Amino acid sequence: MEFTHAALCIMQAFTVTNLSFSYRRDHPTLRDISFQVRKGEFFSLLGPNGSGKTTLLRLLNRILVPHSGVVHLFEKRLSDYSRTEIARRIAFIPQDTTIQFPFTVMEIVLMARAPHTRGKMFESEHDRAIAERMLKIADVMHLADQPITTLSGGERQRVVIARALAQEPEVLLMDEPNAHLDIAHQIDVFNMVKKLIKEQGLTVVAVSHDLNLASAYSDRVALLVCGSLTATGTPHEVFTENNIQEVFRTHVVVDRHPRGTSPRITLIPSP
């Protein structure tokens, strides 16, 4: 079943209202953040290092608790969900995918089925079938019996993506998902995510430093700088030369991609 954009946009996956957070009282990390993420859209968060993007993702997953403001997940306060309920609805792909113990790739992906096993000691054939399907989607099925500690950074990242998808989430939070991936696998991962959005109504919130990749795949984007949102909208609305110069303090040329309709951002090297 494919989900139409009009039908999906009726419901908000996230509604964030006046959200603030700080790790230190005298230094706020996020200030009065408000935005919405529609069900079934690809929403990208962009901004310079230290702007609060990863912190915001952790607040959306309730890894962190806001100091003020509220997050609603599908019209219900996130704080009213149990940890298991959140794990059934949200999967999170972090920046750091370091795994020290030599679990096999299959074991790593099967761990994602824990929120659905309801206290069972072992996974079912259904769980294993889901894990195998996600390993194939992420192009790492051939590594299923390999210890994760023997894999390259790119291979490990694809395993972590397969694990998140095996959770069968309604929302996927991705913190720089293209880290360590070569160009081909970056495109494969984003194509895969867009397909899941179209076919299953998956909602994606992704942090990225790649403006062009975000421009090509996102329905809407948000620019975050110094803990505040400066612009939110479609790539055409947000990716202007003035906005990018203001946020990233660098000069760029913005034009249209020669084989598409998305904005293309080109850096201007210093003389």
Protein backbone atom coordinates (compact mmCIF):
# COMPACT_ATOMS: atom_id res chain seq x y z
CA MET A 1 0.00 0.00 0.00
CA GLU A 2 1.33 3.40 -0.95
CA PHE A 3 0.57 6.47 1.13
CA THR A 4 -0.42 9.68 -0.63
CA HIS A 5 1.25 12.89 0.47
CA ALA A 6 -2.13 14.56 1.07
CA ALA A 7 -3.33 11.78 3.36
CA LEU A 8 -0.11 11.66 5.37
CA CYS A 9 0.03 15.40 6.01
CA ILE A 10 -3.23 15.29 7.99
CA MET A 11 -1.33 14.05 11.05
CA GLN A 12 1.79 15.51 12.62
CA ALA A 13 4.40 12.95 13.66
CA PHE A 14 6.11 15.53 15.88
CA THR A 15 4.86 18.80 17.26
CA VAL A 16 7.61 20.63 19.13
CA THR A 17 6.54 23.67 21.15
CA ASN A 18 8.85 26.18 22.88
CA LEU A 19 11.51 23.54 23.52
CA SER A 20 14.60 24.58 25.51
CA PHE A 21 17.49 22.56 26.89
CA SER A 22 20.94 23.17 28.33
CA TYR A 23 23.73 20.99 29.64
CA ARG A 24 24.89 23.91 31.81
CA ARG A 25 22.61 26.49 33.38
CA ASP A 26 24.63 29.43 32.11
CA HIS A 27 24.90 28.10 28.53
CA PRO A 28 21.61 27.12 26.81
CA THR A 29 22.01 24.54 24.03
CA LEU A 30 18.53 24.98 22.52
CA ARG A 31 16.31 28.03 22.93
CA ASP A 32 12.55 28.15 22.40
CA ILE A 33 12.43 25.69 19.48
CA SER A 34 9.06 25.20 17.78
CA PHE A 35 8.34 23.22 14.60
CA GLN A 36 6.28 20.34 13.24
CA VAL A 37 7.21 17.21 11.32
CA ARG A 38 4.44 15.75 9.21
CA LYS A 39 3.75 12.04 9.16
CA GLY A 40 5.41 10.47 6.13
CA GLU A 41 7.87 13.22 5.30
CA PHE A 42 11.65 13.45 5.13
CA PHE A 43 12.67 16.33 7.41
CA SER A 44 16.34 17.39 7.62
CA LEU A 45 18.07 19.40 10.34
CA LEU A 46 21.15 21.30 9.19
CA GLY A 47 23.54 23.73 10.77
CA PRO A 48 27.16 24.25 11.82
CA ASN A 49 28.91 22.10 14.41
CA GLY A 50 27.70 22.75 17.93
CA SER A 51 24.36 24.21 16.87
CA GLY A 52 22.31 21.64 18.84
CA LYS A 53 21.19 19.26 16.09
CA THR A 54 22.15 16.02 17.86
CA THR A 55 20.72 17.31 21.14
CA LEU A 56 17.43 17.99 19.39
CA LEU A 57 17.30 14.43 18.02
CA ARG A 58 17.91 13.06 21.51
CA LEU A 59 15.05 15.17 22.85
CA LEU A 60 12.76 13.79 20.13
CA ASN A 61 13.65 10.27 21.30
CA ARG A 62 13.43 11.18 25.01
CA ILE A 63 17.04 10.20 25.58
CA LEU A 64 17.17 13.72 27.02
CA VAL A 65 14.35 15.54 28.82
CA PRO A 66 13.69 19.20 27.96
CA HIS A 67 14.05 21.89 30.60
CA SER A 68 10.98 23.61 29.21
CA GLY A 69 8.56 23.14 26.36
CA VAL A 70 6.85 20.00 25.15
CA VAL A 71 7.18 17.38 22.40
CA HIS A 72 4.12 15.60 21.05
CA LEU A 73 4.50 12.31 19.15
CA PHE A 74 1.42 11.57 17.04
CA GLU A 75 -0.69 14.04 19.04
CA LYS A 76 0.31 12.54 22.43
CA ARG A 77 2.87 14.03 24.79
CA LEU A 78 6.16 12.16 24.42
CA SER A 79 6.52 12.12 28.21
CA ASP A 80 3.32 10.04 28.44
CA TYR A 81 4.84 7.15 26.46
CA SER A 82 6.68 4.34 28.21
CA ARG A 83 10.24 3.57 27.12
CA THR A 84 9.01 0.38 25.40
CA GLU A 85 6.27 2.28 23.56
CA ILE A 86 8.83 4.80 22.29
CA ALA A 87 11.13 1.96 21.16
CA ARG A 88 8.27 0.43 19.18
CA ARG A 89 7.55 3.68 17.37
CA ILE A 90 10.94 5.42 17.08
CA ALA A 91 14.29 4.06 15.89
CA PHE A 92 17.43 6.13 16.36
CA ILE A 93 20.65 5.88 14.35
CA PRO A 94 23.35 7.73 16.33
CA GLN A 95 26.58 9.28 15.07
CA ASP A 96 28.76 6.91 17.08
CA THR A 97 28.24 3.30 16.04
CA THR A 98 31.13 1.83 18.02
CA ILE A 99 30.35 -1.70 19.26
CA GLN A 100 33.06 -3.33 21.36
CA PHE A 101 31.74 -6.86 21.81
CA PRO A 102 32.12 -9.18 18.76
CA PHE A 103 28.42 -9.94 18.19
CA THR A 104 27.67 -11.22 14.72
CA VAL A 105 25.91 -8.89 12.31
CA MET A 106 22.76 -11.01 12.52
CA GLU A 107 22.80 -10.85 16.32
CA ILE A 108 23.16 -7.06 16.21
CA VAL A 109 20.15 -6.68 13.92
CA LEU A 110 18.03 -9.16 15.88
CA MET A 111 18.55 -7.03 19.01
CA ALA A 112 16.21 -4.48 17.41
CA ARG A 113 13.33 -6.92 17.79
CA ALA A 114 13.45 -6.69 21.61
CA PRO A 115 10.61 -4.12 21.91
CA HIS A 116 8.35 -6.53 19.99
CA THR A 117 9.21 -9.83 21.72
CA ARG A 118 7.10 -9.14 24.86
CA GLY A 119 9.46 -10.78 27.30
CA LYS A 120 10.34 -13.84 25.20
CA MET A 121 13.82 -15.24 25.67
CA PHE A 122 14.42 -15.92 21.98
CA GLU A 123 13.41 -14.35 18.71
CA SER A 124 10.83 -16.01 16.47
CA GLU A 125 11.08 -17.04 12.83
CA HIS A 126 9.13 -13.87 12.06
CA ASP A 127 11.79 -11.78 13.81
CA ARG A 128 14.55 -13.53 11.91
CA ALA A 129 12.75 -13.03 8.59
CA ILE A 130 12.48 -9.29 9.28
CA ALA A 131 16.18 -9.13 10.21
CA GLU A 132 17.18 -10.92 7.01
CA ARG A 133 15.02 -8.61 4.90
CA MET A 134 16.59 -5.50 6.43
CA LEU A 135 20.09 -6.91 6.01
CA LYS A 136 19.35 -7.39 2.31
CA ILE A 137 17.93 -3.87 2.00
CA ALA A 138 21.09 -2.45 3.60
CA ASP A 139 23.31 -4.63 1.37
CA VAL A 140 24.99 -6.46 4.26
CA MET A 141 23.30 -9.87 4.16
CA HIS A 142 26.58 -11.41 3.03
CA LEU A 143 28.10 -10.25 6.34
CA ALA A 144 25.41 -11.83 8.55
CA ASP A 145 27.78 -14.27 10.27
CA GLN A 146 30.71 -11.86 10.57
CA PRO A 147 31.63 -10.30 13.94
CA ILE A 148 30.73 -6.61 13.83
CA THR A 149 34.18 -5.73 15.21
CA THR A 150 35.81 -6.94 11.97
CA LEU A 151 33.84 -4.63 9.66
CA SER A 152 34.87 -1.35 8.11
CA GLY A 153 33.22 1.89 9.23
CA GLY A 154 30.94 1.96 6.20
CA GLU A 155 29.88 -1.66 6.62
CA ARG A 156 29.20 -1.10 10.31
CA GLN A 157 27.06 1.94 9.49
CA ARG A 158 24.93 -0.10 7.10
CA VAL A 159 24.47 -2.77 9.78
CA VAL A 160 23.29 -0.11 12.23
CA ILE A 161 20.82 1.15 9.63
CA ALA A 162 19.54 -2.41 9.11
CA ARG A 163 19.14 -2.76 12.88
CA ALA A 164 17.09 0.43 13.07
CA LEU A 165 14.82 -0.69 10.22
CA ALA A 166 14.36 -4.12 11.84
CA GLN A 167 12.76 -2.28 14.74
CA GLU A 168 9.88 -1.58 12.29
CA PRO A 169 9.52 2.00 13.50
CA GLU A 170 6.99 4.60 12.47
CA VAL A 171 9.66 7.28 12.91
CA LEU A 172 13.35 7.03 12.02
CA LEU A 173 15.79 9.51 13.56
CA MET A 174 19.15 9.59 11.77
CA ASP A 175 22.18 11.50 13.01
CA GLU A 176 24.49 11.91 10.00
CA PRO A 177 23.48 8.57 8.44
CA ASN A 178 25.88 9.03 5.52
CA ALA A 179 28.94 9.15 7.79
CA HIS A 180 31.56 6.59 6.67
CA LEU A 181 29.51 5.66 3.58
CA ASP A 182 30.89 5.92 0.07
CA ILE A 183 28.90 7.82 -2.57
CA ALA A 184 27.09 4.74 -3.90
CA HIS A 185 25.91 3.61 -0.48
CA GLN A 186 24.88 7.14 0.50
CA ILE A 187 22.52 7.18 -2.46
CA ASP A 188 21.37 3.61 -1.72
CA VAL A 189 20.51 4.49 1.89
CA PHE A 190 18.58 7.64 0.98
CA ASN A 191 16.75 5.87 -1.88
CA MET A 192 15.84 3.08 0.53
CA VAL A 193 14.50 5.55 3.09
CA LYS A 194 12.44 7.40 0.48
CA LYS A 195 10.97 4.09 -0.67
CA LEU A 196 9.93 3.24 2.91
CA ILE A 197 8.35 6.68 3.23
CA LYS A 198 6.34 6.10 0.07
CA GLU A 199 5.33 2.50 0.74
CA GLN A 200 4.95 2.42 4.53
CA GLY A 201 4.43 6.01 5.60
CA LEU A 202 7.70 6.12 7.51
CA THR A 203 8.60 9.52 8.98
CA VAL A 204 12.28 10.51 8.88
CA VAL A 205 14.12 13.24 10.79
CA ALA A 206 17.76 13.39 9.74
CA VAL A 207 20.73 15.48 10.81
CA SER A 208 23.09 16.12 7.93
CA HIS A 209 26.07 18.24 6.94
CA ASP A 210 25.54 17.51 3.26
CA LEU A 211 23.36 20.34 1.97
CA ASN A 212 23.03 18.90 -1.52
CA LEU A 213 21.99 15.46 -0.31
CA ALA A 214 19.44 17.06 2.03
CA SER A 215 18.20 19.26 -0.81
CA ALA A 216 17.70 16.30 -3.15
CA TYR A 217 15.83 14.05 -0.70
CA SER A 218 14.11 16.23 1.90
CA ASP A 219 10.50 17.36 1.78
CA ARG A 220 11.35 20.12 4.25
CA VAL A 221 14.50 21.31 5.99
CA ALA A 222 15.36 23.44 9.01
CA LEU A 223 18.47 25.51 9.66
CA LEU A 224 19.70 25.53 13.24
CA VAL A 225 22.38 27.91 14.53
CA CYS A 226 23.45 28.67 18.10
CA GLY A 227 20.52 26.69 19.46
CA SER A 228 17.82 28.56 17.51
CA LEU A 229 15.89 27.79 14.34
CA THR A 230 16.55 30.43 11.71
CA ALA A 231 14.54 28.99 8.80
CA THR A 232 12.13 26.11 8.16
CA GLY A 233 10.48 25.14 4.89
CA THR A 234 11.06 23.39 1.60
CA PRO A 235 14.62 23.25 0.22
CA HIS A 236 13.64 25.96 -2.28
CA GLU A 237 12.45 28.22 0.53
CA VAL A 238 15.35 27.64 2.91
CA PHE A 239 18.42 27.06 0.73
CA THR A 240 19.05 30.61 -0.39
CA GLU A 241 22.46 32.20 -0.67
CA ASN A 242 21.62 34.67 2.11
CA ASN A 243 20.39 31.98 4.51
CA ILE A 244 23.41 29.75 3.96
CA GLN A 245 25.84 32.65 4.30
CA GLU A 246 24.15 33.74 7.54
CA VAL A 247 24.19 30.25 9.09
CA PHE A 248 27.51 28.84 7.82
CA ARG A 249 29.48 32.06 7.38
CA THR A 250 30.58 31.07 3.89
CA HIS A 251 29.76 32.24 0.38
CA VAL A 252 27.96 29.87 -1.99
CA VAL A 253 26.15 29.88 -5.29
CA VAL A 254 22.64 28.38 -5.28
CA ASP A 255 21.13 27.28 -8.57
CA ARG A 256 18.98 24.42 -9.83
CA HIS A 257 20.29 20.88 -10.16
CA PRO A 258 20.82 20.24 -13.90
CA ARG A 259 18.95 16.91 -13.77
CA GLY A 260 16.32 17.73 -11.18
CA THR A 261 14.32 20.48 -9.55
CA SER A 262 16.09 20.69 -6.18
CA PRO A 263 18.40 23.59 -5.32
CA ARG A 264 22.12 22.92 -5.82
CA ILE A 265 24.64 24.52 -3.49
CA THR A 266 28.18 25.18 -4.79
CA LEU A 267 31.00 26.40 -2.59
CA ILE A 268 33.07 29.39 -3.67
CA PRO A 269 36.74 28.66 -2.88
CA SER A 270 38.73 31.48 -1.37
CA PRO A 271 41.25 33.03 -3.78
